[in-house]
Structures are given as structure tokens and as C-alpha cells.
Amino acid sequence: MGRPGIQSRIWTLCVIWMCVGLTDAEPQYMVTFPAVLEAGAETQYCVSLLQPSDTLVLTVTLMSQEKNTTLLEKTSSTDFHSCFYFKVPLVQNKEVQNFKVEVRGSKFYSRKVKKVMIEASQPMTFVQTDKPIYLPGQTVHFRVVSLDTKFRPASRLDVNHNRIGQWLNESSNGKILQLSYSLNSEAREGYYRVSVTAGNDKIRHSFKVEKYDRQKRLCHFYREDVNFQN
């Protein structure tokens, strides 16, 4: 189980780069982080430094077109291996940024830059009604379940594709948004649709309005006596 808000796919991780000194006496370092980062999530990266010949300053920077963000600046004259968390910047859809690592010393310098993809998370959203068929005049109860807590316009369309109800900028304190709508007693029979827009996704769920005979839809159970003979 991961910590809340932390990128769960973090170890789709690969060793993005490894820099090894030309001789055994030279410093060696390795930095690992995910090839794809989830926007807004806390993400882990790990840094290892071996055989520092003197005091070295290791700097990790995330670079975009707008700004550079220093994630780590660590001075060490001994071996170390540490992992750190940082919050991935928000992006609209997808954006390629650069991870830069610099290691500086009085007799050693190395600089590496690698590209990383940042993707905005796409929440999964589900719509559910309390039953599949309604009589005209009944109240339709429905819920929207999503990983996000804020939703854009949710509207219901009638059988002729006319909007008969709308909710704007609805949000919930939890993970479920519950709403209802009372059908007109003279509502047309046919299929209706709940349409929810969450981010860039549109989710639809249909239900039916029908003047059915309740008695005919009752389930009847009969007992059949069975005699067992020796």
C-alpha cells in the first residue's frame, strides 16, 4: 500500500542514468526516478554516491520552459544512498521536462540531463442510478463516483435530447456525489441519460421510463412438496 497522494506507478521505474568515473578511483553516482511522472503527485527518486575523491556537491534539478526547480543539493565526502520525495508540478495534459544532475568537486565535474514525461492524471468516473426503470412521476436517485472530488456540469437529457435538469460545479467532501431528480408525472416513456463531465472526460448512464404494471413485475415463488420414500 502506498502513501496517500503518492504516485502509485512509481516503479515503472528505470535507471534513467548511471555515471561511472573513468577509473576506479573516481566518484561514481546513480540517480533513479520514474520515466513517466503523474502531475500533482508525490514521487520518489533515489540518489547514490560512491567513492567520492573529495567533498562533492550533488544537485538534482527539474527543468521546464517556465522555471527550474532544485529538488536536491547535497554535500558529501562519504558514500551515501538516499531516497527523496518531491511534488510533481501540475500540467494541463502532457509535458516533457528535463531532469538534470550535476556533481561538482575540486577535481571532478559531471553533468547529465534526461527527459521525463509528466502526465495529468485521468480520474475514473462512474454513474449509477438506484434502479434501471422508473414510472413517470418517480424520483431518480443517482450517484457519481470518481477519484476526483470536483465535477463539471452534470445534466440529464430526456428522450428527445432536451436538457431537463442541470447541476453546475458540484463537489463532494468524499468520493461520492449524490443527486436526485423528480420526473414529471407526464414524462415521456423511453430512455433517458445522465451525462457527467469530469475534467476532459464525459461519462453517460442510461435509465428507462416506462408505465409498467407493478403487479406483473412481482416475482412469485412456489413451494413444491417432494416426498422421499425409503
C-alpha atoms as a PDB file:
ATOM      1  CA  MET A   1       0.000   0.000   0.000  1.00  0.00           C
ATOM      2  CA  GLY A   2       1.347   3.429  -0.913  1.00  0.00           C
ATOM      3  CA  ARG A   3       1.045   6.661   0.989  1.00  0.00           C
ATOM      4  CA  PRO A   4      -1.999   8.764   0.037  1.00  0.00           C
ATOM      5  CA  GLY A   5      -1.300  11.141  -2.822  1.00  0.00           C
ATOM      6  CA  ILE A   6       1.905   9.388  -3.796  1.00  0.00           C
ATOM      7  CA  GLN A   7       2.413   8.229  -7.352  1.00  0.00           C
ATOM      8  CA  SER A   8       1.447   4.561  -7.352  1.00  0.00           C
ATOM      9  CA  ARG A   9       3.162   3.664 -10.604  1.00  0.00           C
ATOM     10  CA  ILE A  10       6.473   4.995  -9.428  1.00  0.00           C
ATOM     11  CA  TRP A  11       8.347   1.788 -10.049  1.00  0.00           C
ATOM     12  CA  THR A  12       7.522   1.691 -13.692  1.00  0.00           C
ATOM     13  CA  LEU A  13      10.939   2.996 -12.839  1.00  0.00           C
ATOM     14  CA  CYS A  14      14.080   2.520 -14.758  1.00  0.00           C
ATOM     15  CA  VAL A  15      17.611   3.618 -14.113  1.00  0.00           C
ATOM     16  CA  ILE A  16      17.463   6.824 -16.074  1.00  0.00           C
ATOM     17  CA  TRP A  17      21.190   7.190 -15.991  1.00  0.00           C
ATOM     18  CA  MET A  18      24.326   5.980 -14.360  1.00  0.00           C
ATOM     19  CA  CYS A  19      27.594   7.848 -14.435  1.00  0.00           C
ATOM     20  CA  VAL A  20      30.740   5.968 -13.529  1.00  0.00           C
ATOM     21  CA  GLY A  21      34.169   7.520 -13.323  1.00  0.00           C
ATOM     22  CA  LEU A  22      36.737   6.543 -15.907  1.00  0.00           C
ATOM     23  CA  THR A  23      38.946   4.945 -13.282  1.00  0.00           C
ATOM     24  CA  ASP A  24      38.159   3.069 -10.111  1.00  0.00           C
ATOM     25  CA  ALA A  25      39.413   5.989  -8.044  1.00  0.00           C
ATOM     26  CA  GLU A  26      36.930   8.438  -9.500  1.00  0.00           C
ATOM     27  CA  PRO A  27      33.469   9.056  -7.986  1.00  0.00           C
ATOM     28  CA  GLN A  28      30.511   7.031  -9.153  1.00  0.00           C
ATOM     29  CA  TYR A  29      26.877   8.075  -8.862  1.00  0.00           C
ATOM     30  CA  MET A  30      23.451   6.890  -9.890  1.00  0.00           C
ATOM     31  CA  VAL A  31      20.057   8.606  -9.930  1.00  0.00           C
ATOM     32  CA  THR A  32      16.796   6.722 -10.495  1.00  0.00           C
ATOM     33  CA  PHE A  33      13.280   8.068 -10.988  1.00  0.00           C
ATOM     34  CA  PRO A  34      10.142   7.179 -12.995  1.00  0.00           C
ATOM     35  CA  ALA A  35      10.215   7.635 -16.734  1.00  0.00           C
ATOM     36  CA  VAL A  36       6.636   8.965 -16.540  1.00  0.00           C
ATOM     37  CA  LEU A  37       5.526  11.256 -13.695  1.00  0.00           C
ATOM     38  CA  GLU A  38       1.960  11.864 -12.552  1.00  0.00           C
ATOM     39  CA  ALA A  39       1.159  15.581 -12.328  1.00  0.00           C
ATOM     40  CA  GLY A  40       0.464  16.766  -8.792  1.00  0.00           C
ATOM     41  CA  ALA A  41       1.572  13.520  -7.140  1.00  0.00           C
ATOM     42  CA  GLU A  42       4.358  12.995  -4.639  1.00  0.00           C
ATOM     43  CA  THR A  43       7.023  10.986  -6.417  1.00  0.00           C
ATOM     44  CA  GLN A  44      10.165   9.326  -5.186  1.00  0.00           C
ATOM     45  CA  TYR A  45      13.636   9.420  -6.675  1.00  0.00           C
ATOM     46  CA  CYS A  46      16.813   7.862  -5.300  1.00  0.00           C
ATOM     47  CA  VAL A  47      20.428   9.021  -5.358  1.00  0.00           C
ATOM     48  CA  SER A  48      23.582   7.008  -4.740  1.00  0.00           C
ATOM     49  CA  LEU A  49      27.145   8.301  -4.476  1.00  0.00           C
ATOM     50  CA  LEU A  50      30.182   6.023  -4.235  1.00  0.00           C
ATOM     51  CA  GLN A  51      33.885   6.638  -3.832  1.00  0.00           C
ATOM     52  CA  PRO A  52      33.887  10.436  -3.601  1.00  0.00           C
ATOM     53  CA  SER A  53      37.510  11.506  -4.023  1.00  0.00           C
ATOM     54  CA  ASP A  54      36.895  14.730  -2.105  1.00  0.00           C
ATOM     55  CA  THR A  55      33.920  16.782  -0.921  1.00  0.00           C
ATOM     56  CA  LEU A  56      31.314  16.775  -3.682  1.00  0.00           C
ATOM     57  CA  VAL A  57      28.140  18.790  -4.196  1.00  0.00           C
ATOM     58  CA  LEU A  58      25.372  16.833  -5.923  1.00  0.00           C
ATOM     59  CA  THR A  59      22.463  18.848  -7.323  1.00  0.00           C
ATOM     60  CA  VAL A  60      19.233  17.498  -8.815  1.00  0.00           C
ATOM     61  CA  THR A  61      17.076  19.952 -10.803  1.00  0.00           C
ATOM     62  CA  LEU A  62      13.759  19.600 -12.619  1.00  0.00           C
ATOM     63  CA  MET A  63      13.735  21.969 -15.592  1.00  0.00           C
ATOM     64  CA  SER A  64      10.793  23.262 -17.626  1.00  0.00           C
ATOM     65  CA  GLN A  65      10.428  26.106 -20.105  1.00  0.00           C
ATOM     66  CA  GLU A  66       8.967  28.330 -17.383  1.00  0.00           C
ATOM     67  CA  LYS A  67      11.321  27.644 -14.479  1.00  0.00           C
ATOM     68  CA  ASN A  68      13.946  25.412 -12.913  1.00  0.00           C
ATOM     69  CA  THR A  69      13.236  23.747  -9.557  1.00  0.00           C
ATOM     70  CA  THR A  70      16.089  22.496  -7.408  1.00  0.00           C
ATOM     71  CA  LEU A  71      14.970  19.224  -5.845  1.00  0.00           C
ATOM     72  CA  LEU A  72      18.206  18.391  -4.011  1.00  0.00           C
ATOM     73  CA  GLU A  73      21.539  19.953  -3.186  1.00  0.00           C
ATOM     74  CA  LYS A  74      23.641  17.657  -1.039  1.00  0.00           C
ATOM     75  CA  THR A  75      27.271  17.993   0.018  1.00  0.00           C
ATOM     76  CA  SER A  76      29.112  14.809   0.939  1.00  0.00           C
ATOM     77  CA  SER A  77      32.593  13.398   1.225  1.00  0.00           C
ATOM     78  CA  THR A  78      31.382   9.868   2.005  1.00  0.00           C
ATOM     79  CA  ASP A  79      29.290   7.224   0.279  1.00  0.00           C
ATOM     80  CA  PHE A  80      25.539   7.581   0.610  1.00  0.00           C
ATOM     81  CA  HIS A  81      22.296   6.207  -0.757  1.00  0.00           C
ATOM     82  CA  SER A  82      19.082   8.127  -0.068  1.00  0.00           C
ATOM     83  CA  CYS A  83      15.584   8.424  -1.484  1.00  0.00           C
ATOM     84  CA  PHE A  84      13.582  11.635  -1.533  1.00  0.00           C
ATOM     85  CA  TYR A  85      10.049  12.760  -2.365  1.00  0.00           C
ATOM     86  CA  PHE A  86       9.017  15.765  -4.403  1.00  0.00           C
ATOM     87  CA  LYS A  87       5.697  17.053  -5.692  1.00  0.00           C
ATOM     88  CA  VAL A  88       5.413  16.848  -9.455  1.00  0.00           C
ATOM     89  CA  PRO A  89       4.269  20.152 -10.997  1.00  0.00           C
ATOM     90  CA  LEU A  90       0.778  20.385 -12.449  1.00  0.00           C
ATOM     91  CA  VAL A  91       0.344  20.314 -16.225  1.00  0.00           C
ATOM     92  CA  GLN A  92      -2.725  20.565 -18.459  1.00  0.00           C
ATOM     93  CA  ASN A  93      -2.285  17.320 -20.342  1.00  0.00           C
ATOM     94  CA  LYS A  94       1.220  16.090 -21.095  1.00  0.00           C
ATOM     95  CA  GLU A  95       4.524  17.890 -20.939  1.00  0.00           C
ATOM     96  CA  VAL A  96       8.142  16.865 -21.409  1.00  0.00           C
ATOM     97  CA  GLN A  97      10.556  18.308 -18.852  1.00  0.00           C
ATOM     98  CA  ASN A  98      14.198  17.634 -18.017  1.00  0.00           C
ATOM     99  CA  PHE A  99      15.895  16.064 -15.022  1.00  0.00           C
ATOM    100  CA  LYS A 100      19.382  17.457 -14.557  1.00  0.00           C
ATOM    101  CA  VAL A 101      22.058  16.079 -12.216  1.00  0.00           C
ATOM    102  CA  GLU A 102      25.310  17.878 -11.543  1.00  0.00           C
ATOM    103  CA  VAL A 103      28.180  16.629  -9.385  1.00  0.00           C
ATOM    104  CA  ARG A 104      30.886  19.161  -8.545  1.00  0.00           C
ATOM    105  CA  GLY A 105      34.172  18.862  -6.714  1.00  0.00           C
ATOM    106  CA  SER A 106      37.586  20.488  -6.755  1.00  0.00           C
ATOM    107  CA  LYS A 107      38.828  17.858  -9.249  1.00  0.00           C
ATOM    108  CA  PHE A 108      35.634  16.338 -10.558  1.00  0.00           C
ATOM    109  CA  TYR A 109      32.655  17.575 -12.572  1.00  0.00           C
ATOM    110  CA  SER A 110      29.815  15.703 -14.246  1.00  0.00           C
ATOM    111  CA  ARG A 111      26.528  16.862 -15.713  1.00  0.00           C
ATOM    112  CA  LYS A 112      23.726  14.729 -17.130  1.00  0.00           C
ATOM    113  CA  VAL A 113      20.283  15.723 -18.461  1.00  0.00           C
ATOM    114  CA  LYS A 114      17.447  13.341 -19.289  1.00  0.00           C
ATOM    115  CA  LYS A 115      13.897  13.950 -20.494  1.00  0.00           C
ATOM    116  CA  VAL A 116      10.910  12.922 -18.383  1.00  0.00           C
ATOM    117  CA  MET A 117       7.222  12.858 -19.294  1.00  0.00           C
ATOM    118  CA  ILE A 118       4.681  14.466 -16.948  1.00  0.00           C
ATOM    119  CA  GLU A 119       1.062  13.427 -17.464  1.00  0.00           C
ATOM    120  CA  ALA A 120      -2.083  14.827 -15.873  1.00  0.00           C
ATOM    121  CA  SER A 121      -3.982  12.089 -14.056  1.00  0.00           C
ATOM    122  CA  GLN A 122      -7.235  10.983 -15.663  1.00  0.00           C
ATOM    123  CA  PRO A 123      -9.711  10.047 -12.921  1.00  0.00           C
ATOM    124  CA  MET A 124     -12.091   7.169 -13.466  1.00  0.00           C
ATOM    125  CA  THR A 125     -15.703   8.224 -13.030  1.00  0.00           C
ATOM    126  CA  PHE A 126     -18.805   6.042 -12.750  1.00  0.00           C
ATOM    127  CA  VAL A 127     -22.504   6.946 -12.772  1.00  0.00           C
ATOM    128  CA  GLN A 128     -25.109   4.752 -11.069  1.00  0.00           C
ATOM    129  CA  THR A 129     -28.900   5.067 -10.629  1.00  0.00           C
ATOM    130  CA  ASP A 130     -30.828   3.384  -7.812  1.00  0.00           C
ATOM    131  CA  LYS A 131     -32.778   1.269 -10.342  1.00  0.00           C
ATOM    132  CA  PRO A 132     -32.918   0.758 -14.116  1.00  0.00           C
ATOM    133  CA  ILE A 133     -36.650   1.519 -14.741  1.00  0.00           C
ATOM    134  CA  TYR A 134     -38.864   4.327 -13.351  1.00  0.00           C
ATOM    135  CA  LEU A 135     -42.501   5.267 -13.560  1.00  0.00           C
ATOM    136  CA  PRO A 136     -43.401   8.813 -14.632  1.00  0.00           C
ATOM    137  CA  GLY A 137     -43.505  10.994 -11.511  1.00  0.00           C
ATOM    138  CA  GLN A 138     -40.942   8.942  -9.591  1.00  0.00           C
ATOM    139  CA  THR A 139     -37.679  10.379  -8.292  1.00  0.00           C
ATOM    140  CA  VAL A 140     -34.458   9.271  -9.923  1.00  0.00           C
ATOM    141  CA  HIS A 141     -31.641   8.959  -7.404  1.00  0.00           C
ATOM    142  CA  PHE A 142     -28.170   8.733  -8.858  1.00  0.00           C
ATOM    143  CA  ARG A 143     -24.609   8.927  -7.670  1.00  0.00           C
ATOM    144  CA  VAL A 144     -21.358   9.847  -9.335  1.00  0.00           C
ATOM    145  CA  VAL A 145     -18.291   8.038  -8.064  1.00  0.00           C
ATOM    146  CA  SER A 146     -14.895   9.388  -9.029  1.00  0.00           C
ATOM    147  CA  LEU A 147     -11.334   9.621  -7.790  1.00  0.00           C
ATOM    148  CA  ASP A 148     -11.763  13.400  -8.004  1.00  0.00           C
ATOM    149  CA  THR A 149     -13.978  15.375  -5.632  1.00  0.00           C
ATOM    150  CA  LYS A 150     -14.984  18.156  -8.068  1.00  0.00           C
ATOM    151  CA  PHE A 151     -17.205  17.759 -11.100  1.00  0.00           C
ATOM    152  CA  ARG A 152     -18.130  19.928 -14.070  1.00  0.00           C
ATOM    153  CA  PRO A 153     -21.717  20.204 -15.425  1.00  0.00           C
ATOM    154  CA  ALA A 154     -23.867  17.122 -14.792  1.00  0.00           C
ATOM    155  CA  SER A 155     -27.051  17.125 -16.823  1.00  0.00           C
ATOM    156  CA  ARG A 156     -29.940  14.784 -17.621  1.00  0.00           C
ATOM    157  CA  LEU A 157     -31.397  14.633 -21.110  1.00  0.00           C
ATOM    158  CA  ASP A 158     -34.887  13.395 -21.961  1.00  0.00           C
ATOM    159  CA  VAL A 159     -35.842  11.005 -24.722  1.00  0.00           C
ATOM    160  CA  ASN A 160     -35.863  13.814 -27.299  1.00  0.00           C
ATOM    161  CA  HIS A 161     -32.404  15.009 -26.203  1.00  0.00           C
ATOM    162  CA  ASN A 162     -33.746  18.074 -24.402  1.00  0.00           C
ATOM    163  CA  ARG A 163     -31.993  19.042 -21.191  1.00  0.00           C
ATOM    164  CA  ILE A 164     -34.391  18.725 -18.257  1.00  0.00           C
ATOM    165  CA  GLY A 165     -32.016  19.130 -15.322  1.00  0.00           C
ATOM    166  CA  GLN A 166     -28.556  20.534 -14.735  1.00  0.00           C
ATOM    167  CA  TRP A 167     -26.078  20.835 -11.865  1.00  0.00           C
ATOM    168  CA  LEU A 168     -23.038  23.090 -12.212  1.00  0.00           C
ATOM    169  CA  ASN A 169     -19.723  22.939 -10.314  1.00  0.00           C
ATOM    170  CA  GLU A 170     -20.923  20.281  -7.928  1.00  0.00           C
ATOM    171  CA  SER A 171     -18.373  18.940  -5.473  1.00  0.00           C
ATOM    172  CA  SER A 172     -18.306  16.432  -2.679  1.00  0.00           C
ATOM    173  CA  ASN A 173     -16.276  16.192   0.511  1.00  0.00           C
ATOM    174  CA  GLY A 174     -15.792  12.487  -0.063  1.00  0.00           C
ATOM    175  CA  LYS A 175     -15.502  10.304  -3.130  1.00  0.00           C
ATOM    176  CA  ILE A 176     -19.251  10.130  -3.950  1.00  0.00           C
ATOM    177  CA  LEU A 177     -21.603  12.822  -5.253  1.00  0.00           C
ATOM    178  CA  GLN A 178     -25.302  12.018  -4.755  1.00  0.00           C
ATOM    179  CA  LEU A 179     -28.090  13.865  -6.601  1.00  0.00           C
ATOM    180  CA  SER A 180     -31.737  13.266  -7.491  1.00  0.00           C
ATOM    181  CA  TYR A 181     -34.368  14.463  -9.948  1.00  0.00           C
ATOM    182  CA  SER A 182     -38.158  14.111  -9.816  1.00  0.00           C
ATOM    183  CA  LEU A 183     -39.650  13.051 -13.123  1.00  0.00           C
ATOM    184  CA  ASN A 184     -42.764  14.826 -14.360  1.00  0.00           C
ATOM    185  CA  SER A 185     -45.925  12.751 -13.931  1.00  0.00           C
ATOM    186  CA  GLU A 186     -46.459  13.079 -17.678  1.00  0.00           C
ATOM    187  CA  ALA A 187     -42.857  12.257 -18.574  1.00  0.00           C
ATOM    188  CA  ARG A 188     -42.467  10.588 -21.946  1.00  0.00           C
ATOM    189  CA  GLU A 189     -41.670   6.906 -21.951  1.00  0.00           C
ATOM    190  CA  GLY A 190     -38.301   5.929 -23.292  1.00  0.00           C
ATOM    191  CA  TYR A 191     -34.629   6.016 -22.403  1.00  0.00           C
ATOM    192  CA  TYR A 192     -33.092   8.932 -20.510  1.00  0.00           C
ATOM    193  CA  ARG A 193     -29.450   9.680 -19.945  1.00  0.00           C
ATOM    194  CA  VAL A 194     -27.366  11.094 -17.123  1.00  0.00           C
ATOM    195  CA  SER A 195     -24.341  12.888 -18.568  1.00  0.00           C
ATOM    196  CA  VAL A 196     -21.423  13.892 -16.346  1.00  0.00           C
ATOM    197  CA  THR A 197     -18.395  15.917 -17.386  1.00  0.00           C
ATOM    198  CA  ALA A 198     -15.379  15.454 -15.119  1.00  0.00           C
ATOM    199  CA  GLY A 199     -12.246  17.128 -16.409  1.00  0.00           C
ATOM    200  CA  ASN A 200     -11.861  16.141 -20.066  1.00  0.00           C
ATOM    201  CA  ASP A 201     -13.955  13.001 -19.676  1.00  0.00           C
ATOM    202  CA  LYS A 202     -17.672  12.627 -20.370  1.00  0.00           C
ATOM    203  CA  ILE A 203     -19.489   9.693 -18.765  1.00  0.00           C
ATOM    204  CA  ARG A 204     -23.037   8.641 -19.630  1.00  0.00           C
ATOM    205  CA  HIS A 205     -25.510   6.341 -17.933  1.00  0.00           C
ATOM    206  CA  SER A 206     -28.989   5.479 -19.255  1.00  0.00           C
ATOM    207  CA  PHE A 207     -32.219   4.527 -17.498  1.00  0.00           C
ATOM    208  CA  LYS A 208     -35.732   3.822 -18.751  1.00  0.00           C
ATOM    209  CA  VAL A 209     -39.075   5.483 -18.030  1.00  0.00           C
ATOM    210  CA  GLU A 210     -41.962   3.105 -18.580  1.00  0.00           C
ATOM    211  CA  LYS A 211     -45.584   2.864 -17.426  1.00  0.00           C
ATOM    212  CA  TYR A 212     -45.281  -0.740 -16.372  1.00  0.00           C
ATOM    213  CA  ASP A 213     -47.718  -2.778 -14.315  1.00  0.00           C
ATOM    214  CA  ARG A 214     -46.067  -3.285 -10.942  1.00  0.00           C
ATOM    215  CA  GLN A 215     -48.088  -6.420 -10.243  1.00  0.00           C
ATOM    216  CA  LYS A 216     -46.806  -8.111 -13.386  1.00  0.00           C
ATOM    217  CA  ARG A 217     -43.236  -7.454 -12.313  1.00  0.00           C
ATOM    218  CA  LEU A 218     -43.597  -9.135  -8.924  1.00  0.00           C
ATOM    219  CA  CYS A 219     -41.608 -12.316  -8.504  1.00  0.00           C
ATOM    220  CA  HIS A 220     -43.646 -15.315  -7.359  1.00  0.00           C
ATOM    221  CA  PHE A 221     -42.097 -18.247  -5.560  1.00  0.00           C
ATOM    222  CA  TYR A 222     -43.893 -21.555  -5.214  1.00  0.00           C
ATOM    223  CA  ARG A 223     -43.070 -24.427  -2.917  1.00  0.00           C
ATOM    224  CA  GLU A 224     -43.127 -27.875  -4.393  1.00  0.00           C
ATOM    225  CA  ASP A 225     -43.588 -30.662  -1.919  1.00  0.00           C
ATOM    226  CA  VAL A 226     -41.287 -33.570  -2.501  1.00  0.00           C
ATOM    227  CA  ASN A 227     -41.849 -36.924  -0.829  1.00  0.00           C
ATOM    228  CA  PHE A 228     -38.924 -39.183  -0.224  1.00  0.00           C
ATOM    229  CA  GLN A 229     -39.627 -42.867   0.116  1.00  0.00           C
ATOM    230  CA  ASN A 230     -37.305 -45.452   1.529  1.00  0.00           C
END
